[in-house]
Amino acid sequence: MSNERKKKGKEAELLVADYLVNLGYNIIEQNYTIRGGEIDIIAEKKNIRTFVEVKAVDHTEDLLDYLTPRKQATLIRTLIRFNYEHPTDKQISLDLVFVKQNTIIHHYPNITNN
């Protein structure tokens, strides 16, 4: 991954973290990493723990194509591990947020519908 792409991704993650805080979320972890997986942002609000995948994109056609079944399985495996290490009674949500040119263009909440 190029330095420019990493920088763009980091900027997108910071933008989304600020967005979530403005919505009343408390950021409890960023860039939680296990072998073979990473969650960009983990946040909590009231009775919900939200795991957020942030995607910085250049085009907006077929946004959901960015989340392949393999990537979704990796995210789920990673959030299960986090919840094992940090148990909670809160509801779990896996969200997907797209950022283009420093603007949040779409927030898909609870993409697994669990």
N, C-alpha and C. Protein backbone atom coordinates (compact mmCIF):
# COMPACT_ATOMS: atom_id res chain seq x y z
N MET A 1 0.85 -1.17 0.00
CA MET A 1 0.00 0.00 0.00
C MET A 1 0.90 1.24 0.00
N SER A 2 0.62 2.17 -0.89
CA SER A 2 1.44 3.37 -1.00
C SER A 2 1.23 4.28 0.20
N ASN A 3 2.22 5.13 0.45
CA ASN A 3 2.11 6.08 1.55
C ASN A 3 0.92 7.02 1.37
N GLU A 4 0.67 7.42 0.12
CA GLU A 4 -0.46 8.32 -0.16
C GLU A 4 -1.78 7.63 0.17
N ARG A 5 -1.89 6.36 -0.18
CA ARG A 5 -3.11 5.61 0.10
C ARG A 5 -3.31 5.42 1.61
N LYS A 6 -2.20 5.13 2.32
CA LYS A 6 -2.27 4.99 3.78
C LYS A 6 -2.72 6.31 4.41
N LYS A 7 -2.16 7.41 3.93
CA LYS A 7 -2.51 8.73 4.46
C LYS A 7 -4.00 9.02 4.23
N LYS A 8 -4.46 8.71 3.03
CA LYS A 8 -5.87 8.91 2.70
C LYS A 8 -6.78 8.07 3.60
N GLY A 9 -6.37 6.83 3.85
CA GLY A 9 -7.14 5.95 4.72
C GLY A 9 -7.18 6.45 6.15
N LYS A 10 -6.03 6.91 6.66
CA LYS A 10 -5.97 7.45 8.02
C LYS A 10 -6.85 8.69 8.16
N GLU A 11 -6.79 9.58 7.17
CA GLU A 11 -7.62 10.79 7.20
C GLU A 11 -9.11 10.42 7.21
N ALA A 12 -9.48 9.42 6.42
CA ALA A 12 -10.87 8.97 6.38
C ALA A 12 -11.29 8.41 7.73
N GLU A 13 -10.42 7.63 8.37
CA GLU A 13 -10.74 7.06 9.68
C GLU A 13 -10.92 8.15 10.73
N LEU A 14 -10.07 9.18 10.70
CA LEU A 14 -10.21 10.29 11.65
C LEU A 14 -11.51 11.04 11.42
N LEU A 15 -11.88 11.25 10.16
CA LEU A 15 -13.13 11.93 9.83
C LEU A 15 -14.32 11.13 10.38
N VAL A 16 -14.30 9.83 10.18
CA VAL A 16 -15.40 8.98 10.64
C VAL A 16 -15.44 8.92 12.17
N ALA A 17 -14.29 8.89 12.81
CA ALA A 17 -14.26 8.89 14.28
C ALA A 17 -14.90 10.18 14.80
N ASP A 18 -14.57 11.32 14.22
CA ASP A 18 -15.19 12.59 14.61
C ASP A 18 -16.70 12.56 14.38
N TYR A 19 -17.11 12.01 13.26
CA TYR A 19 -18.53 11.88 12.91
C TYR A 19 -19.26 11.07 13.98
N LEU A 20 -18.67 9.95 14.38
CA LEU A 20 -19.30 9.10 15.39
C LEU A 20 -19.38 9.81 16.74
N VAL A 21 -18.33 10.51 17.12
CA VAL A 21 -18.35 11.26 18.38
C VAL A 21 -19.46 12.30 18.34
N ASN A 22 -19.63 12.97 17.21
CA ASN A 22 -20.70 13.96 17.07
C ASN A 22 -22.08 13.33 17.16
N LEU A 23 -22.18 12.04 16.85
CA LEU A 23 -23.44 11.31 16.98
C LEU A 23 -23.65 10.76 18.39
N GLY A 24 -22.70 11.02 19.28
CA GLY A 24 -22.83 10.58 20.66
C GLY A 24 -22.11 9.29 21.01
N TYR A 25 -21.32 8.77 20.09
CA TYR A 25 -20.56 7.55 20.35
C TYR A 25 -19.30 7.86 21.14
N ASN A 26 -18.85 6.88 21.89
CA ASN A 26 -17.57 6.93 22.57
C ASN A 26 -16.64 5.98 21.83
N ILE A 27 -15.53 6.49 21.32
CA ILE A 27 -14.57 5.64 20.61
C ILE A 27 -13.78 4.87 21.66
N ILE A 28 -13.84 3.54 21.59
CA ILE A 28 -13.12 2.74 22.59
C ILE A 28 -11.85 2.11 22.03
N GLU A 29 -11.75 2.03 20.71
CA GLU A 29 -10.55 1.46 20.10
C GLU A 29 -10.49 1.87 18.63
N GLN A 30 -9.27 2.09 18.15
CA GLN A 30 -9.07 2.34 16.73
C GLN A 30 -7.96 1.41 16.24
N ASN A 31 -8.15 0.90 15.04
CA ASN A 31 -7.18 0.01 14.41
C ASN A 31 -6.87 -1.22 15.27
N TYR A 32 -7.93 -1.86 15.76
CA TYR A 32 -7.78 -3.10 16.51
C TYR A 32 -7.36 -4.18 15.52
N THR A 33 -6.23 -4.81 15.81
CA THR A 33 -5.65 -5.76 14.85
C THR A 33 -5.38 -7.10 15.51
N ILE A 34 -5.76 -8.14 14.78
CA ILE A 34 -5.37 -9.50 15.14
C ILE A 34 -4.71 -10.09 13.90
N ARG A 35 -4.12 -11.23 14.06
CA ARG A 35 -3.51 -11.88 12.90
C ARG A 35 -4.59 -12.13 11.85
N GLY A 36 -4.44 -11.51 10.70
CA GLY A 36 -5.38 -11.71 9.61
C GLY A 36 -6.61 -10.82 9.63
N GLY A 37 -6.64 -9.80 10.50
CA GLY A 37 -7.82 -8.96 10.52
C GLY A 37 -7.62 -7.65 11.25
N GLU A 38 -8.42 -6.66 10.87
CA GLU A 38 -8.39 -5.36 11.53
C GLU A 38 -9.77 -4.73 11.49
N ILE A 39 -10.11 -4.05 12.57
CA ILE A 39 -11.32 -3.23 12.63
C ILE A 39 -10.84 -1.79 12.76
N ASP A 40 -11.34 -0.91 11.90
CA ASP A 40 -10.86 0.47 11.91
C ASP A 40 -11.27 1.23 13.16
N ILE A 41 -12.55 1.13 13.55
CA ILE A 41 -13.05 1.87 14.71
C ILE A 41 -14.03 0.99 15.49
N ILE A 42 -13.89 1.02 16.80
CA ILE A 42 -14.85 0.36 17.68
C ILE A 42 -15.40 1.45 18.59
N ALA A 43 -16.72 1.59 18.58
CA ALA A 43 -17.35 2.67 19.34
C ALA A 43 -18.58 2.13 20.07
N GLU A 44 -18.95 2.82 21.15
CA GLU A 44 -20.14 2.44 21.90
C GLU A 44 -21.03 3.64 22.14
N LYS A 45 -22.31 3.35 22.15
CA LYS A 45 -23.33 4.36 22.43
C LYS A 45 -24.50 3.64 23.08
N LYS A 46 -24.85 4.06 24.27
CA LYS A 46 -25.94 3.44 25.02
C LYS A 46 -25.75 1.93 25.06
N ASN A 47 -26.68 1.17 24.48
CA ASN A 47 -26.59 -0.29 24.57
C ASN A 47 -26.04 -0.94 23.30
N ILE A 48 -25.28 -0.19 22.50
CA ILE A 48 -24.77 -0.73 21.23
C ILE A 48 -23.25 -0.59 21.17
N ARG A 49 -22.58 -1.66 20.79
CA ARG A 49 -21.15 -1.64 20.46
C ARG A 49 -21.08 -1.75 18.94
N THR A 50 -20.47 -0.75 18.32
CA THR A 50 -20.42 -0.68 16.86
C THR A 50 -18.99 -0.85 16.37
N PHE A 51 -18.82 -1.76 15.44
CA PHE A 51 -17.55 -2.00 14.77
C PHE A 51 -17.67 -1.37 13.39
N VAL A 52 -16.71 -0.52 13.05
CA VAL A 52 -16.84 0.27 11.83
C VAL A 52 -15.68 0.00 10.88
N GLU A 53 -16.02 -0.38 9.67
CA GLU A 53 -15.06 -0.49 8.57
C GLU A 53 -15.17 0.79 7.76
N VAL A 54 -14.04 1.48 7.59
CA VAL A 54 -14.00 2.73 6.84
C VAL A 54 -13.33 2.47 5.50
N LYS A 55 -13.98 2.94 4.43
CA LYS A 55 -13.42 2.78 3.09
C LYS A 55 -13.28 4.16 2.44
N ALA A 56 -12.05 4.54 2.11
CA ALA A 56 -11.81 5.76 1.35
C ALA A 56 -11.86 5.36 -0.12
N VAL A 57 -12.76 6.00 -0.87
CA VAL A 57 -12.98 5.60 -2.26
C VAL A 57 -12.75 6.77 -3.21
N ASP A 58 -12.45 6.42 -4.46
CA ASP A 58 -12.27 7.43 -5.50
C ASP A 58 -13.51 7.55 -6.38
N HIS A 59 -14.29 6.48 -6.46
CA HIS A 59 -15.53 6.53 -7.24
C HIS A 59 -16.65 5.94 -6.42
N THR A 60 -17.87 6.21 -6.81
CA THR A 60 -19.01 5.82 -5.98
C THR A 60 -19.92 4.79 -6.64
N GLU A 61 -19.52 4.23 -7.75
CA GLU A 61 -20.32 3.19 -8.37
C GLU A 61 -20.12 1.89 -7.58
N ASP A 62 -21.21 1.20 -7.36
CA ASP A 62 -21.16 -0.12 -6.73
C ASP A 62 -20.36 -0.13 -5.43
N LEU A 63 -20.74 0.73 -4.50
CA LEU A 63 -20.02 0.83 -3.23
C LEU A 63 -19.93 -0.48 -2.48
N LEU A 64 -21.01 -1.24 -2.49
CA LEU A 64 -21.00 -2.48 -1.71
C LEU A 64 -20.08 -3.54 -2.28
N ASP A 65 -19.61 -3.36 -3.52
CA ASP A 65 -18.63 -4.28 -4.07
C ASP A 65 -17.30 -4.20 -3.33
N TYR A 66 -17.08 -3.11 -2.58
CA TYR A 66 -15.86 -2.98 -1.81
C TYR A 66 -15.81 -3.97 -0.66
N LEU A 67 -16.96 -4.47 -0.24
CA LEU A 67 -17.01 -5.40 0.89
C LEU A 67 -17.30 -6.80 0.35
N THR A 68 -16.25 -7.54 0.09
CA THR A 68 -16.38 -8.89 -0.43
C THR A 68 -16.82 -9.83 0.69
N PRO A 69 -17.37 -10.99 0.34
CA PRO A 69 -17.71 -11.97 1.39
C PRO A 69 -16.50 -12.34 2.24
N ARG A 70 -15.33 -12.43 1.63
CA ARG A 70 -14.11 -12.76 2.39
C ARG A 70 -13.78 -11.64 3.39
N LYS A 71 -13.87 -10.38 2.96
CA LYS A 71 -13.60 -9.26 3.84
C LYS A 71 -14.62 -9.22 4.98
N GLN A 72 -15.88 -9.46 4.66
CA GLN A 72 -16.92 -9.47 5.70
C GLN A 72 -16.63 -10.57 6.72
N ALA A 73 -16.23 -11.74 6.26
CA ALA A 73 -15.91 -12.85 7.17
C ALA A 73 -14.73 -12.48 8.06
N THR A 74 -13.74 -11.79 7.51
CA THR A 74 -12.58 -11.35 8.28
C THR A 74 -13.00 -10.35 9.35
N LEU A 75 -13.87 -9.40 8.99
CA LEU A 75 -14.35 -8.42 9.95
C LEU A 75 -15.11 -9.10 11.09
N ILE A 76 -15.96 -10.05 10.74
CA ILE A 76 -16.75 -10.75 11.75
C ILE A 76 -15.83 -11.54 12.68
N ARG A 77 -14.86 -12.23 12.12
CA ARG A 77 -13.91 -12.99 12.95
C ARG A 77 -13.16 -12.05 13.90
N THR A 78 -12.79 -10.87 13.41
CA THR A 78 -12.06 -9.91 14.23
C THR A 78 -12.94 -9.34 15.34
N LEU A 79 -14.20 -9.04 15.02
CA LEU A 79 -15.08 -8.50 16.08
C LEU A 79 -15.41 -9.56 17.11
N ILE A 80 -15.52 -10.80 16.70
CA ILE A 80 -15.74 -11.89 17.66
C ILE A 80 -14.56 -11.97 18.63
N ARG A 81 -13.36 -11.86 18.09
CA ARG A 81 -12.15 -11.90 18.94
C ARG A 81 -12.15 -10.73 19.93
N PHE A 82 -12.47 -9.52 19.44
CA PHE A 82 -12.51 -8.36 20.34
C PHE A 82 -13.52 -8.58 21.45
N ASN A 83 -14.69 -9.07 21.10
CA ASN A 83 -15.74 -9.31 22.10
C ASN A 83 -15.35 -10.41 23.08
N TYR A 84 -14.57 -11.36 22.63
CA TYR A 84 -14.05 -12.39 23.53
C TYR A 84 -13.10 -11.76 24.55
N GLU A 85 -12.24 -10.86 24.07
CA GLU A 85 -11.27 -10.20 24.95
C GLU A 85 -11.91 -9.12 25.82
N HIS A 86 -13.00 -8.52 25.32
CA HIS A 86 -13.69 -7.42 26.01
C HIS A 86 -15.19 -7.71 26.01
N PRO A 87 -15.64 -8.65 26.85
CA PRO A 87 -17.05 -9.05 26.84
C PRO A 87 -17.99 -7.88 27.11
N THR A 88 -19.17 -7.97 26.52
CA THR A 88 -20.18 -6.94 26.71
C THR A 88 -21.57 -7.56 26.58
N ASP A 89 -22.54 -6.91 27.19
CA ASP A 89 -23.94 -7.29 27.02
C ASP A 89 -24.61 -6.42 25.97
N LYS A 90 -23.85 -5.49 25.41
CA LYS A 90 -24.41 -4.55 24.42
C LYS A 90 -24.74 -5.29 23.12
N GLN A 91 -25.67 -4.72 22.37
CA GLN A 91 -25.95 -5.22 21.03
C GLN A 91 -24.74 -4.92 20.15
N ILE A 92 -24.53 -5.76 19.16
CA ILE A 92 -23.38 -5.62 18.27
C ILE A 92 -23.86 -5.15 16.89
N SER A 93 -23.14 -4.19 16.34
CA SER A 93 -23.44 -3.71 14.99
C SER A 93 -22.13 -3.61 14.21
N LEU A 94 -22.15 -4.07 12.98
CA LEU A 94 -21.01 -3.92 12.07
C LEU A 94 -21.44 -2.93 11.00
N ASP A 95 -20.80 -1.77 10.99
CA ASP A 95 -21.16 -0.69 10.07
C ASP A 95 -20.07 -0.51 9.02
N LEU A 96 -20.47 0.02 7.88
CA LEU A 96 -19.56 0.32 6.78
C LEU A 96 -19.76 1.78 6.41
N VAL A 97 -18.66 2.54 6.40
CA VAL A 97 -18.74 3.97 6.09
C VAL A 97 -17.78 4.27 4.93
N PHE A 98 -18.31 4.94 3.92
CA PHE A 98 -17.51 5.33 2.76
C PHE A 98 -17.19 6.81 2.81
N VAL A 99 -15.95 7.13 2.48
CA VAL A 99 -15.47 8.51 2.47
C VAL A 99 -14.86 8.78 1.09
N LYS A 100 -15.25 9.92 0.52
CA LYS A 100 -14.67 10.36 -0.74
C LYS A 100 -14.29 11.82 -0.60
N GLN A 101 -13.05 12.13 -0.89
CA GLN A 101 -12.55 13.51 -0.84
C GLN A 101 -12.89 14.19 0.48
N ASN A 102 -12.56 13.53 1.58
CA ASN A 102 -12.79 14.05 2.93
C ASN A 102 -14.25 14.35 3.26
N THR A 103 -15.16 13.61 2.64
CA THR A 103 -16.58 13.75 2.91
C THR A 103 -17.18 12.36 3.09
N ILE A 104 -17.97 12.18 4.14
CA ILE A 104 -18.66 10.91 4.33
C ILE A 104 -19.80 10.87 3.33
N ILE A 105 -19.76 9.89 2.43
CA ILE A 105 -20.79 9.82 1.39
C ILE A 105 -21.87 8.80 1.70
N HIS A 106 -21.55 7.81 2.54
CA HIS A 106 -22.59 6.86 2.92
C HIS A 106 -22.18 6.09 4.16
N HIS A 107 -23.14 5.91 5.05
CA HIS A 107 -22.96 5.11 6.26
C HIS A 107 -23.99 4.00 6.22
N TYR A 108 -23.53 2.78 6.04
CA TYR A 108 -24.40 1.60 6.07
C TYR A 108 -24.36 1.00 7.46
N PRO A 109 -25.41 1.17 8.26
CA PRO A 109 -25.39 0.60 9.61
C PRO A 109 -25.76 -0.88 9.60
N ASN A 110 -25.20 -1.61 10.55
CA ASN A 110 -25.56 -3.00 10.81
C ASN A 110 -25.66 -3.85 9.54
N ILE A 111 -24.56 -3.91 8.83
CA ILE A 111 -24.56 -4.59 7.51
C ILE A 111 -24.79 -6.09 7.59
N THR A 112 -24.63 -6.67 8.78
CA THR A 112 -24.88 -8.11 8.91
C THR A 112 -26.29 -8.41 9.39
N ASN A 113 -27.04 -7.38 9.77
CA ASN A 113 -28.43 -7.51 10.23
C ASN A 113 -28.59 -8.50 11.37
N ASN A 114 -27.61 -8.51 12.27
CA ASN A 114 -27.70 -9.41 13.44
C ASN A 114 -28.41 -8.72 14.57
